[in-house]
């Protein structure tokens, strides 16, 4: 149930960002979801590889390494990566908006003076 809330929250924030900067809503939403789930997946693989190299094959099947603490860490890392991608897309949109304002049709033939 919490996963569904995460999916909706990520989709809503990225689609609102896309409409704010006149971009495709579904592309931004998929970028947001891919950043969240991709980071949690990569963090899980890195953790599993570390356990495998330290304790061998028997360490991977050990129940001590599968706890809610590690799962919460992976969710936190996914959330941080999602926030990073969100702020990256937001700054990119602001720069594009500023550039389009500067280089609009009204600025043709106008020279800037320092």
PDB file of N, CA and C in Angstrom:
ATOM      1  N   UNK A   1       0.819  -1.193   0.000  1.00  0.00           N
ATOM      2  CA  UNK A   1       0.000   0.000   0.000  1.00  0.00           C
ATOM      3  C   UNK A   1       0.864   1.259   0.000  1.00  0.00           C
ATOM      4  N   UNK A   2       1.937   1.239   0.768  1.00  0.00           N
ATOM      5  CA  UNK A   2       2.812   2.401   0.809  1.00  0.00           C
ATOM      6  C   UNK A   2       3.487   2.608  -0.544  1.00  0.00           C
ATOM      7  N   UNK A   3       3.769   1.503  -1.247  1.00  0.00           N
ATOM      8  CA  UNK A   3       4.362   1.602  -2.575  1.00  0.00           C
ATOM      9  C   UNK A   3       3.455   2.321  -3.560  1.00  0.00           C
ATOM     10  N   UNK A   4       2.160   2.087  -3.463  1.00  0.00           N
ATOM     11  CA  UNK A   4       1.203   2.765  -4.342  1.00  0.00           C
ATOM     12  C   UNK A   4       1.179   4.257  -4.041  1.00  0.00           C
ATOM     13  N   UNK A   5       1.278   4.601  -2.755  1.00  0.00           N
ATOM     14  CA  UNK A   5       1.318   6.016  -2.378  1.00  0.00           C
ATOM     15  C   UNK A   5       2.587   6.670  -2.923  1.00  0.00           C
ATOM     16  N   UNK A   6       3.730   5.961  -2.850  1.00  0.00           N
ATOM     17  CA  UNK A   6       4.971   6.481  -3.427  1.00  0.00           C
ATOM     18  C   UNK A   6       4.842   6.704  -4.929  1.00  0.00           C
ATOM     19  N   UNK A   7       4.257   5.741  -5.621  1.00  0.00           N
ATOM     20  CA  UNK A   7       4.099   5.866  -7.072  1.00  0.00           C
ATOM     21  C   UNK A   7       3.241   7.085  -7.397  1.00  0.00           C
ATOM     22  N   UNK A   8       2.120   7.259  -6.695  1.00  0.00           N
ATOM     23  CA  UNK A   8       1.255   8.402  -6.954  1.00  0.00           C
ATOM     24  C   UNK A   8       1.958   9.709  -6.637  1.00  0.00           C
ATOM     25  N   UNK A   9       2.658   9.770  -5.511  1.00  0.00           N
ATOM     26  CA  UNK A   9       3.347  10.992  -5.101  1.00  0.00           C
ATOM     27  C   UNK A   9       4.427  11.377  -6.114  1.00  0.00           C
ATOM     28  N   UNK A  10       5.203  10.414  -6.566  1.00  0.00           N
ATOM     29  CA  UNK A  10       6.244  10.691  -7.562  1.00  0.00           C
ATOM     30  C   UNK A  10       5.613  11.113  -8.879  1.00  0.00           C
ATOM     31  N   UNK A  11       4.578  10.388  -9.313  1.00  0.00           N
ATOM     32  CA  UNK A  11       3.926  10.730 -10.573  1.00  0.00           C
ATOM     33  C   UNK A  11       3.336  12.137 -10.499  1.00  0.00           C
ATOM     34  N   UNK A  12       2.684  12.475  -9.411  1.00  0.00           N
ATOM     35  CA  UNK A  12       2.030  13.784  -9.283  1.00  0.00           C
ATOM     36  C   UNK A  12       3.044  14.919  -9.297  1.00  0.00           C
ATOM     37  N   UNK A  13       4.131  14.775  -8.544  1.00  0.00           N
ATOM     38  CA  UNK A  13       5.106  15.872  -8.484  1.00  0.00           C
ATOM     39  C   UNK A  13       5.824  16.062  -9.815  1.00  0.00           C
ATOM     40  N   UNK A  14       6.176  14.983 -10.486  1.00  0.00           N
ATOM     41  CA  UNK A  14       6.858  15.121 -11.766  1.00  0.00           C
ATOM     42  C   UNK A  14       5.922  15.585 -12.878  1.00  0.00           C
ATOM     43  N   UNK A  15       4.670  15.177 -12.849  1.00  0.00           N
ATOM     44  CA  UNK A  15       3.741  15.656 -13.873  1.00  0.00           C
ATOM     45  C   UNK A  15       3.394  17.127 -13.655  1.00  0.00           C
ATOM     46  N   UNK A  16       3.316  17.574 -12.406  1.00  0.00           N
ATOM     47  CA  UNK A  16       3.111  18.999 -12.143  1.00  0.00           C
ATOM     48  C   UNK A  16       4.309  19.821 -12.614  1.00  0.00           C
ATOM     49  N   UNK A  17       5.500  19.278 -12.418  1.00  0.00           N
ATOM     50  CA  UNK A  17       6.702  19.955 -12.907  1.00  0.00           C
ATOM     51  C   UNK A  17       6.683  20.056 -14.426  1.00  0.00           C
ATOM     52  N   UNK A  18       6.242  18.999 -15.082  1.00  0.00           N
ATOM     53  CA  UNK A  18       6.189  19.009 -16.542  1.00  0.00           C
ATOM     54  C   UNK A  18       5.180  20.020 -17.066  1.00  0.00           C
ATOM     55  N   UNK A  19       4.019  20.116 -16.440  1.00  0.00           N
ATOM     56  CA  UNK A  19       3.032  21.098 -16.902  1.00  0.00           C
ATOM     57  C   UNK A  19       3.492  22.524 -16.621  1.00  0.00           C
ATOM     58  N   UNK A  20       4.275  22.706 -15.556  1.00  0.00           N
ATOM     59  CA  UNK A  20       4.790  24.038 -15.241  1.00  0.00           C
ATOM     60  C   UNK A  20       5.752  24.532 -16.320  1.00  0.00           C
ATOM     61  N   UNK A  21       6.524  23.621 -16.891  1.00  0.00           N
ATOM     62  CA  UNK A  21       7.515  24.002 -17.901  1.00  0.00           C
ATOM     63  C   UNK A  21       7.133  23.563 -19.309  1.00  0.00           C
ATOM     64  N   UNK A  22       5.859  23.253 -19.533  1.00  0.00           N
ATOM     65  CA  UNK A  22       5.314  22.886 -20.844  1.00  0.00           C
ATOM     66  C   UNK A  22       6.052  21.707 -21.471  1.00  0.00           C
ATOM     67  N   UNK A  23       6.212  20.650 -20.706  1.00  0.00           N
ATOM     68  CA  UNK A  23       6.836  19.416 -21.187  1.00  0.00           C
ATOM     69  C   UNK A  23       5.804  18.301 -21.146  1.00  0.00           C
ATOM     70  N   UNK A  24       6.187  17.130 -21.655  1.00  0.00           N
ATOM     71  CA  UNK A  24       5.301  15.981 -21.669  1.00  0.00           C
ATOM     72  C   UNK A  24       5.183  15.398 -20.259  1.00  0.00           C
ATOM     73  N   UNK A  25       3.949  15.276 -19.759  1.00  0.00           N
ATOM     74  CA  UNK A  25       3.727  14.797 -18.399  1.00  0.00           C
ATOM     75  C   UNK A  25       4.191  13.359 -18.208  1.00  0.00           C
ATOM     76  N   UNK A  26       3.907  12.510 -19.174  1.00  0.00           N
ATOM     77  CA  UNK A  26       4.225  11.097 -19.010  1.00  0.00           C
ATOM     78  C   UNK A  26       5.723  10.840 -19.079  1.00  0.00           C
ATOM     79  N   UNK A  27       6.429  11.617 -19.861  1.00  0.00           N
ATOM     80  CA  UNK A  27       7.882  11.451 -19.919  1.00  0.00           C
ATOM     81  C   UNK A  27       8.511  11.805 -18.585  1.00  0.00           C
ATOM     82  N   UNK A  28       8.102  12.918 -18.014  1.00  0.00           N
ATOM     83  CA  UNK A  28       8.654  13.320 -16.724  1.00  0.00           C
ATOM     84  C   UNK A  28       8.252  12.344 -15.620  1.00  0.00           C
ATOM     85  N   UNK A  29       7.022  11.851 -15.653  1.00  0.00           N
ATOM     86  CA  UNK A  29       6.578  10.895 -14.640  1.00  0.00           C
ATOM     87  C   UNK A  29       7.381   9.598 -14.730  1.00  0.00           C
ATOM     88  N   UNK A  30       7.623   9.132 -15.937  1.00  0.00           N
ATOM     89  CA  UNK A  30       8.425   7.914 -16.111  1.00  0.00           C
ATOM     90  C   UNK A  30       9.872   8.134 -15.696  1.00  0.00           C
ATOM     91  N   UNK A  31      10.411   9.315 -15.932  1.00  0.00           N
ATOM     92  CA  UNK A  31      11.768   9.624 -15.479  1.00  0.00           C
ATOM     93  C   UNK A  31      11.822   9.572 -13.956  1.00  0.00           C
ATOM     94  N   UNK A  32      10.822  10.126 -13.306  1.00  0.00           N
ATOM     95  CA  UNK A  32      10.778  10.114 -11.845  1.00  0.00           C
ATOM     96  C   UNK A  32      10.663   8.715 -11.274  1.00  0.00           C
ATOM     97  N   UNK A  33       9.765   7.905 -11.839  1.00  0.00           N
ATOM     98  CA  UNK A  33       9.609   6.538 -11.356  1.00  0.00           C
ATOM     99  C   UNK A  33      10.842   5.692 -11.642  1.00  0.00           C
ATOM    100  N   UNK A  34      11.460   5.906 -12.800  1.00  0.00           N
ATOM    101  CA  UNK A  34      12.679   5.161 -13.132  1.00  0.00           C
ATOM    102  C   UNK A  34      13.831   5.543 -12.207  1.00  0.00           C
ATOM    103  N   UNK A  35      13.899   6.810 -11.831  1.00  0.00           N
ATOM    104  CA  UNK A  35      14.971   7.213 -10.912  1.00  0.00           C
ATOM    105  C   UNK A  35      14.774   6.593  -9.538  1.00  0.00           C
ATOM    106  N   UNK A  36      13.539   6.526  -9.075  1.00  0.00           N
ATOM    107  CA  UNK A  36      13.267   5.929  -7.763  1.00  0.00           C
ATOM    108  C   UNK A  36      13.545   4.422  -7.770  1.00  0.00           C
ATOM    109  N   UNK A  37      12.884   3.717  -8.676  1.00  0.00           N
ATOM    110  CA  UNK A  37      13.018   2.262  -8.688  1.00  0.00           C
ATOM    111  C   UNK A  37      14.399   1.823  -9.166  1.00  0.00           C
ATOM    112  N   UNK A  38      14.998   2.578 -10.066  1.00  0.00           N
ATOM    113  CA  UNK A  38      16.344   2.244 -10.520  1.00  0.00           C
ATOM    114  C   UNK A  38      17.364   2.350  -9.403  1.00  0.00           C
ATOM    115  N   UNK A  39      17.258   3.381  -8.587  1.00  0.00           N
ATOM    116  CA  UNK A  39      18.196   3.548  -7.481  1.00  0.00           C
ATOM    117  C   UNK A  39      18.005   2.472  -6.422  1.00  0.00           C
ATOM    118  N   UNK A  40      16.758   2.135  -6.094  1.00  0.00           N
ATOM    119  CA  UNK A  40      16.545   1.076  -5.113  1.00  0.00           C
ATOM    120  C   UNK A  40      17.038  -0.267  -5.640  1.00  0.00           C
ATOM    121  N   UNK A  41      16.868  -0.513  -6.923  1.00  0.00           N
ATOM    122  CA  UNK A  41      17.342  -1.757  -7.528  1.00  0.00           C
ATOM    123  C   UNK A  41      18.865  -1.837  -7.523  1.00  0.00           C
ATOM    124  N   UNK A  42      19.514  -0.757  -7.919  1.00  0.00           N
ATOM    125  CA  UNK A  42      20.986  -0.737  -7.938  1.00  0.00           C
ATOM    126  C   UNK A  42      21.545  -0.860  -6.524  1.00  0.00           C
ATOM    127  N   UNK A  43      20.927  -0.181  -5.556  1.00  0.00           N
ATOM    128  CA  UNK A  43      21.392  -0.285  -4.177  1.00  0.00           C
ATOM    129  C   UNK A  43      21.224  -1.712  -3.653  1.00  0.00           C
ATOM    130  N   UNK A  44      20.139  -2.366  -4.004  1.00  0.00           N
ATOM    131  CA  UNK A  44      19.935  -3.757  -3.598  1.00  0.00           C
ATOM    132  C   UNK A  44      20.958  -4.687  -4.212  1.00  0.00           C
ATOM    133  N   UNK A  45      21.266  -4.491  -5.497  1.00  0.00           N
ATOM    134  CA  UNK A  45      22.281  -5.320  -6.143  1.00  0.00           C
ATOM    135  C   UNK A  45      23.663  -5.095  -5.532  1.00  0.00           C
ATOM    136  N   UNK A  46      23.987  -3.848  -5.240  1.00  0.00           N
ATOM    137  CA  UNK A  46      25.289  -3.566  -4.621  1.00  0.00           C
ATOM    138  C   UNK A  46      25.363  -4.205  -3.237  1.00  0.00           C
ATOM    139  N   UNK A  47      24.297  -4.104  -2.466  1.00  0.00           N
ATOM    140  CA  UNK A  47      24.268  -4.731  -1.147  1.00  0.00           C
ATOM    141  C   UNK A  47      24.402  -6.251  -1.262  1.00  0.00           C
ATOM    142  N   UNK A  48      23.655  -6.847  -2.181  1.00  0.00           N
ATOM    143  CA  UNK A  48      23.735  -8.291  -2.376  1.00  0.00           C
ATOM    144  C   UNK A  48      25.115  -8.739  -2.816  1.00  0.00           C
ATOM    145  N   UNK A  49      25.753  -7.965  -3.695  1.00  0.00           N
ATOM    146  CA  UNK A  49      27.103  -8.305  -4.141  1.00  0.00           C
ATOM    147  C   UNK A  49      28.100  -8.196  -2.998  1.00  0.00           C
ATOM    148  N   UNK A  50      27.954  -7.192  -2.153  1.00  0.00           N
ATOM    149  CA  UNK A  50      28.850  -7.047  -0.996  1.00  0.00           C
ATOM    150  C   UNK A  50      28.686  -8.220  -0.032  1.00  0.00           C
ATOM    151  N   UNK A  51      27.448  -8.611   0.241  1.00  0.00           N
ATOM    152  CA  UNK A  51      27.207  -9.753   1.124  1.00  0.00           C
ATOM    153  C   UNK A  51      27.778 -11.020   0.502  1.00  0.00           C
ATOM    154  N   UNK A  52      27.615 -11.174  -0.801  1.00  0.00           N
ATOM    155  CA  UNK A  52      28.128 -12.359  -1.491  1.00  0.00           C
ATOM    156  C   UNK A  52      29.648 -12.424  -1.411  1.00  0.00           C
ATOM    157  N   UNK A  53      30.331 -11.311  -1.647  1.00  0.00           N
ATOM    158  CA  UNK A  53      31.791 -11.326  -1.632  1.00  0.00           C
ATOM    159  C   UNK A  53      32.364 -11.444  -0.213  1.00  0.00           C
ATOM    160  N   UNK A  54      31.638 -10.962   0.780  1.00  0.00           N
ATOM    161  CA  UNK A  54      32.136 -11.040   2.154  1.00  0.00           C
ATOM    162  C   UNK A  54      31.843 -12.413   2.772  1.00  0.00           C
ATOM    163  N   UNK A  55      30.610 -12.904   2.615  1.00  0.00           N
ATOM    164  CA  UNK A  55      30.203 -14.140   3.293  1.00  0.00           C
ATOM    165  C   UNK A  55      29.977 -15.320   2.372  1.00  0.00           C
ATOM    166  N   UNK A  56      30.070 -15.147   1.090  1.00  0.00           N
ATOM    167  CA  UNK A  56      29.857 -16.251   0.159  1.00  0.00           C
ATOM    168  C   UNK A  56      28.386 -16.477  -0.124  1.00  0.00           C
ATOM    169  N   UNK A  57      28.122 -17.631  -0.742  1.00  0.00           N
ATOM    170  CA  UNK A  57      26.757 -17.950  -1.165  1.00  0.00           C
ATOM    171  C   UNK A  57      25.841 -18.160   0.045  1.00  0.00           C
ATOM    172  N   UNK A  58      26.372 -18.718   1.105  1.00  0.00           N
ATOM    173  CA  UNK A  58      25.539 -18.956   2.288  1.00  0.00           C
ATOM    174  C   UNK A  58      25.102 -17.653   2.950  1.00  0.00           C
ATOM    175  N   UNK A  59      25.883 -16.604   2.806  1.00  0.00           N
ATOM    176  CA  UNK A  59      25.530 -15.319   3.400  1.00  0.00           C
ATOM    177  C   UNK A  59      24.350 -14.667   2.724  1.00  0.00           C
ATOM    178  N   UNK A  60      24.144 -14.953   1.448  1.00  0.00           N
ATOM    179  CA  UNK A  60      23.031 -14.341   0.722  1.00  0.00           C
ATOM    180  C   UNK A  60      21.704 -14.902   1.219  1.00  0.00           C
ATOM    181  N   UNK A  61      21.673 -16.183   1.570  1.00  0.00           N
ATOM    182  CA  UNK A  61      20.431 -16.813   2.036  1.00  0.00           C
ATOM    183  C   UNK A  61      20.188 -16.615   3.522  1.00  0.00           C
ATOM    184  N   UNK A  62      21.097 -16.000   4.237  1.00  0.00           N
ATOM    185  CA  UNK A  62      20.955 -15.795   5.673  1.00  0.00           C
ATOM    186  C   UNK A  62      19.870 -14.751   5.945  1.00  0.00           C
ATOM    187  N   UNK A  63      19.018 -15.048   6.908  1.00  0.00           N
ATOM    188  CA  UNK A  63      17.915 -14.137   7.212  1.00  0.00           C
ATOM    189  C   UNK A  63      18.358 -12.895   7.963  1.00  0.00           C
ATOM    190  N   UNK A  64      19.538 -12.875   8.525  1.00  0.00           N
ATOM    191  CA  UNK A  64      20.020 -11.705   9.250  1.00  0.00           C
ATOM    192  C   UNK A  64      20.280 -10.531   8.321  1.00  0.00           C
ATOM    193  N   UNK A  65      20.512 -10.807   7.052  1.00  0.00           N
ATOM    194  CA  UNK A  65      20.813  -9.737   6.103  1.00  0.00           C
ATOM    195  C   UNK A  65      19.581  -9.211   5.383  1.00  0.00           C
ATOM    196  N   UNK A  66      18.441  -9.809   5.650  1.00  0.00           N
ATOM    197  CA  UNK A  66      17.196  -9.352   5.040  1.00  0.00           C
ATOM    198  C   UNK A  66      16.313  -8.780   6.141  1.00  0.00           C
ATOM    199  N   UNK A  67      16.494  -7.506   6.431  1.00  0.00           N
ATOM    200  CA  UNK A  67      15.730  -6.883   7.508  1.00  0.00           C
ATOM    201  C   UNK A  67      15.021  -5.639   6.995  1.00  0.00           C
ATOM    202  N   UNK A  68      14.121  -5.141   7.803  1.00  0.00           N
ATOM    203  CA  UNK A  68      13.369  -3.949   7.416  1.00  0.00           C
ATOM    204  C   UNK A  68      14.264  -2.717   7.403  1.00  0.00           C
ATOM    205  N   UNK A  69      15.333  -2.737   8.176  1.00  0.00           N
ATOM    206  CA  UNK A  69      16.261  -1.608   8.195  1.00  0.00           C
ATOM    207  C   UNK A  69      16.930  -1.391   6.845  1.00  0.00           C
ATOM    208  N   UNK A  70      17.352  -2.485   6.235  1.00  0.00           N
ATOM    209  CA  UNK A  70      17.964  -2.362   4.903  1.00  0.00           C
ATOM    210  C   UNK A  70      16.944  -1.906   3.872  1.00  0.00           C
ATOM    211  N   UNK A  71      15.721  -2.421   3.966  1.00  0.00           N
ATOM    212  CA  UNK A  71      14.681  -2.001   3.030  1.00  0.00           C
ATOM    213  C   UNK A  71      14.378  -0.516   3.168  1.00  0.00           C
ATOM    214  N   UNK A  72      14.331  -0.024   4.390  1.00  0.00           N
ATOM    215  CA  UNK A  72      14.101   1.409   4.595  1.00  0.00           C
ATOM    216  C   UNK A  72      15.262   2.243   4.058  1.00  0.00           C
ATOM    217  N   UNK A  73      16.480   1.721   4.185  1.00  0.00           N
ATOM    218  CA  UNK A  73      17.638   2.421   3.626  1.00  0.00           C
ATOM    219  C   UNK A  73      17.533   2.520   2.113  1.00  0.00           C
ATOM    220  N   UNK A  74      17.115   1.435   1.462  1.00  0.00           N
ATOM    221  CA  UNK A  74      16.974   1.449   0.006  1.00  0.00           C
ATOM    222  C   UNK A  74      15.875   2.412  -0.435  1.00  0.00           C
ATOM    223  N   UNK A  75      14.784   2.466   0.324  1.00  0.00           N
ATOM    224  CA  UNK A  75      13.700   3.418   0.019  1.00  0.00           C
ATOM    225  C   UNK A  75      14.199   4.845   0.193  1.00  0.00           C
ATOM    226  N   UNK A  76      14.973   5.085   1.229  1.00  0.00           N
ATOM    227  CA  UNK A  76      15.529   6.420   1.460  1.00  0.00           C
ATOM    228  C   UNK A  76      16.477   6.822   0.332  1.00  0.00           C
ATOM    229  N   UNK A  77      17.329   5.900  -0.094  1.00  0.00           N
ATOM    230  CA  UNK A  77      18.230   6.196  -1.215  1.00  0.00           C
ATOM    231  C   UNK A  77      17.450   6.472  -2.499  1.00  0.00           C
ATOM    232  N   UNK A  78      16.395   5.710  -2.737  1.00  0.00           N
ATOM    233  CA  UNK A  78      15.546   5.954  -3.903  1.00  0.00           C
ATOM    234  C   UNK A  78      14.864   7.304  -3.839  1.00  0.00           C
ATOM    235  N   UNK A  79      14.400   7.680  -2.653  1.00  0.00           N
ATOM    236  CA  UNK A  79      13.776   8.993  -2.484  1.00  0.00           C
ATOM    237  C   UNK A  79      14.750  10.131  -2.697  1.00  0.00           C
ATOM    238  N   UNK A  80      15.973   9.972  -2.199  1.00  0.00           N
ATOM    239  CA  UNK A  80      16.988  11.002  -2.408  1.00  0.00           C
ATOM    240  C   UNK A  80      17.354  11.137  -3.883  1.00  0.00           C
ATOM    241  N   UNK A  81      17.476  10.023  -4.570  1.00  0.00           N
ATOM    242  CA  UNK A  81      17.784  10.078  -6.004  1.00  0.00           C
ATOM    243  C   UNK A  81      16.631  10.715  -6.778  1.00  0.00           C
ATOM    244  N   UNK A  82      15.413  10.395  -6.393  1.00  0.00           N
ATOM    245  CA  UNK A  82      14.241  10.976  -7.049  1.00  0.00           C
ATOM    246  C   UNK A  82      14.202  12.484  -6.826  1.00  0.00           C
ATOM    247  N   UNK A  83      14.502  12.928  -5.618  1.00  0.00           N
ATOM    248  CA  UNK A  83      14.552  14.356  -5.334  1.00  0.00           C
ATOM    249  C   UNK A  83      15.669  15.035  -6.126  1.00  0.00           C
ATOM    250  N   UNK A  84      16.799  14.372  -6.257  1.00  0.00           N
ATOM    251  CA  UNK A  84      17.899  14.927  -7.045  1.00  0.00           C
ATOM    252  C   UNK A  84      17.529  15.105  -8.506  1.00  0.00           C
ATOM    253  N   UNK A  85      16.863  14.105  -9.077  1.00  0.00           N
ATOM    254  CA  UNK A  85      16.426  14.206 -10.469  1.00  0.00           C
ATOM    255  C   UNK A  85      15.366  15.293 -10.615  1.00  0.00           C
ATOM    256  N   UNK A  86      14.473  15.395  -9.631  1.00  0.00           N
ATOM    257  CA  UNK A  86      13.442  16.433  -9.659  1.00  0.00           C
ATOM    258  C   UNK A  86      14.066  17.825  -9.663  1.00  0.00           C
ATOM    259  N   UNK A  87      15.022  18.059  -8.769  1.00  0.00           N
ATOM    260  CA  UNK A  87      15.649  19.385  -8.721  1.00  0.00           C
ATOM    261  C   UNK A  87      16.502  19.644  -9.958  1.00  0.00           C
ATOM    262  N   UNK A  88      17.089  18.601 -10.533  1.00  0.00           N
ATOM    263  CA  UNK A  88      17.838  18.766 -11.781  1.00  0.00           C
ATOM    264  C   UNK A  88      16.912  19.177 -12.925  1.00  0.00           C
ATOM    265  N   UNK A  89      15.771  18.511 -13.044  1.00  0.00           N
ATOM    266  CA  UNK A  89      14.809  18.864 -14.089  1.00  0.00           C
ATOM    267  C   UNK A  89      14.201  20.241 -13.857  1.00  0.00           C
ATOM    268  N   UNK A  90      14.017  20.598 -12.594  1.00  0.00           N
ATOM    269  CA  UNK A  90      13.464  21.919 -12.284  1.00  0.00           C
ATOM    270  C   UNK A  90      14.440  23.027 -12.673  1.00  0.00           C
ATOM    271  N   UNK A  91      15.720  22.846 -12.345  1.00  0.00           N
ATOM    272  CA  UNK A  91      16.704  23.872 -12.716  1.00  0.00           C
ATOM    273  C   UNK A  91      16.876  23.936 -14.227  1.00  0.00           C
ATOM    274  N   UNK A  92      16.792  22.789 -14.898  1.00  0.00           N
ATOM    275  CA  UNK A  92      16.874  22.773 -16.360  1.00  0.00           C
ATOM    276  C   UNK A  92      15.693  23.525 -16.976  1.00  0.00           C
ATOM    277  N   UNK A  93      14.507  23.314 -16.422  1.00  0.00           N
ATOM    278  CA  UNK A  93      13.325  24.023 -16.914  1.00  0.00           C
ATOM    279  C   UNK A  93      13.402  25.517 -16.686  1.00  0.00           C
ATOM    280  N   UNK A  94      13.937  25.928 -15.540  1.00  0.00           N
ATOM    281  CA  UNK A  94      14.088  27.357 -15.269  1.00  0.00           C
ATOM    282  C   UNK A  94      15.098  27.992 -16.220  1.00  0.00           C
ATOM    283  N   UNK A  95      16.177  27.287 -16.504  1.00  0.00           N
ATOM    284  CA  UNK A  95      17.178  27.815 -17.449  1.00  0.00           C
ATOM    285  C   UNK A  95      16.599  27.925 -18.847  1.00  0.00           C
ATOM    286  N   UNK A  96      15.825  26.920 -19.269  1.00  0.00           N
ATOM    287  CA  UNK A  96      15.202  26.979 -20.594  1.00  0.00           C
ATOM    288  C   UNK A  96      14.191  28.108 -20.675  1.00  0.00           C
ATOM    289  N   UNK A  97      13.439  28.319 -19.610  1.00  0.00           N
ATOM    290  CA  UNK A  97      12.457  29.404 -19.594  1.00  0.00           C
ATOM    291  C   UNK A  97      13.153  30.761 -19.665  1.00  0.00           C
ATOM    292  N   UNK A  98      14.238  30.912 -18.929  1.00  0.00           N
ATOM    293  CA  UNK A  98      14.990  32.160 -18.948  1.00  0.00           C
ATOM    294  C   UNK A  98      15.623  32.399 -20.318  1.00  0.00           C
ATOM    295  N   UNK A  99      16.146  31.347 -20.923  1.00  0.00           N
ATOM    296  CA  UNK A  99      16.740  31.470 -22.253  1.00  0.00           C
ATOM    297  C   UNK A  99      15.696  31.853 -23.289  1.00  0.00           C
ATOM    298  N   UNK A 100      14.520  31.253 -23.217  1.00  0.00           N
ATOM    299  CA  UNK A 100      13.480  31.586 -24.191  1.00  0.00           C
ATOM    300  C   UNK A 100      12.986  33.016 -23.990  1.00  0.00           C
ATOM    301  N   UNK A 101      13.013  33.495 -22.754  1.00  0.00           N
ATOM    302  CA  UNK A 101      12.626  34.880 -22.502  1.00  0.00           C
ATOM    303  C   UNK A 101      13.654  35.838 -23.090  1.00  0.00           C
ATOM    304  N   UNK A 102      14.936  35.489 -22.963  1.00  0.00           N
ATOM    305  CA  UNK A 102      15.993  36.351 -23.495  1.00  0.00           C
ATOM    306  C   UNK A 102      16.036  36.331 -25.006  1.00  0.00           C
ATOM    307  N   UNK A 103      15.884  35.148 -25.573  1.00  0.00           N
ATOM    308  CA  UNK A 103      16.051  34.999 -27.016  1.00  0.00           C
ATOM    309  C   UNK A 103      14.712  34.871 -27.725  1.00  0.00           C
ATOM    310  N   UNK A 104      13.735  35.617 -27.305  1.00  0.00           N
ATOM    311  CA  UNK A 104      12.428  35.584 -27.922  1.00  0.00           C
ATOM    312  C   UNK A 104      12.394  36.431 -29.187  1.00  0.00           C
ATOM    313  N   UNK A 105      11.251  36.476 -29.800  1.00  0.00           N
ATOM    314  CA  UNK A 105      11.075  37.224 -31.043  1.00  0.00           C
ATOM    315  C   UNK A 105      11.199  38.721 -30.805  1.00  0.00           C
ATOM    316  N   UNK A 106      10.924  39.161 -29.589  1.00  0.00           N
ATOM    317  CA  UNK A 106      11.015  40.589 -29.293  1.00  0.00           C
ATOM    318  C   UNK A 106      12.434  41.097 -29.213  1.00  0.00           C
ATOM    319  N   UNK A 107      13.396  40.190 -29.031  1.00  0.00           N
ATOM    320  CA  UNK A 107      14.772  40.625 -28.867  1.00  0.00           C
ATOM    321  C   UNK A 107      15.564  40.653 -30.177  1.00  0.00           C
ATOM    322  N   UNK A 108      14.908  40.397 -31.284  1.00  0.00           N
ATOM    323  CA  UNK A 108      15.608  40.433 -32.567  1.00  0.00           C
ATOM    324  C   UNK A 108      15.938  41.875 -32.907  1.00  0.00           C
ATOM    325  N   UNK A 109      17.174  42.142 -33.208  1.00  0.00           N
ATOM    326  CA  UNK A 109      17.626  43.468 -33.584  1.00  0.00           C
ATOM    327  C   UNK A 109      17.956  44.363 -32.422  1.00  0.00           C
ATOM    328  N   UNK A 110      17.741  43.894 -31.205  1.00  0.00           N
ATOM    329  CA  UNK A 110      18.038  44.698 -30.027  1.00  0.00           C
ATOM    330  C   UNK A 110      19.422  44.287 -29.531  1.00  0.00           C
ATOM    331  N   UNK A 111      20.255  45.270 -29.262  1.00  0.00           N
ATOM    332  CA  UNK A 111      21.570  44.978 -28.724  1.00  0.00           C
ATOM    333  C   UNK A 111      21.596  45.318 -27.242  1.00  0.00           C
ATOM    334  N   UNK A 112      22.279  44.488 -26.484  1.00  0.00           N
ATOM    335  CA  UNK A 112      22.408  44.749 -25.051  1.00  0.00           C
ATOM    336  C   UNK A 112      23.561  45.684 -24.810  1.00  0.00           C
ATOM    337  N   UNK A 113      23.352  46.593 -23.893  1.00  0.00           N
ATOM    338  CA  UNK A 113      24.420  47.498 -23.524  1.00  0.00           C
ATOM    339  C   UNK A 113      24.869  47.164 -22.102  1.00  0.00           C
ATOM    340  N   UNK A 114      26.160  47.199 -21.886  1.00  0.00           N
ATOM    341  CA  UNK A 114      26.683  46.882 -20.552  1.00  0.00           C
ATOM    342  C   UNK A 114      26.694  48.099 -19.696  1.00  0.00           C
TER     343      UNK A 114
END
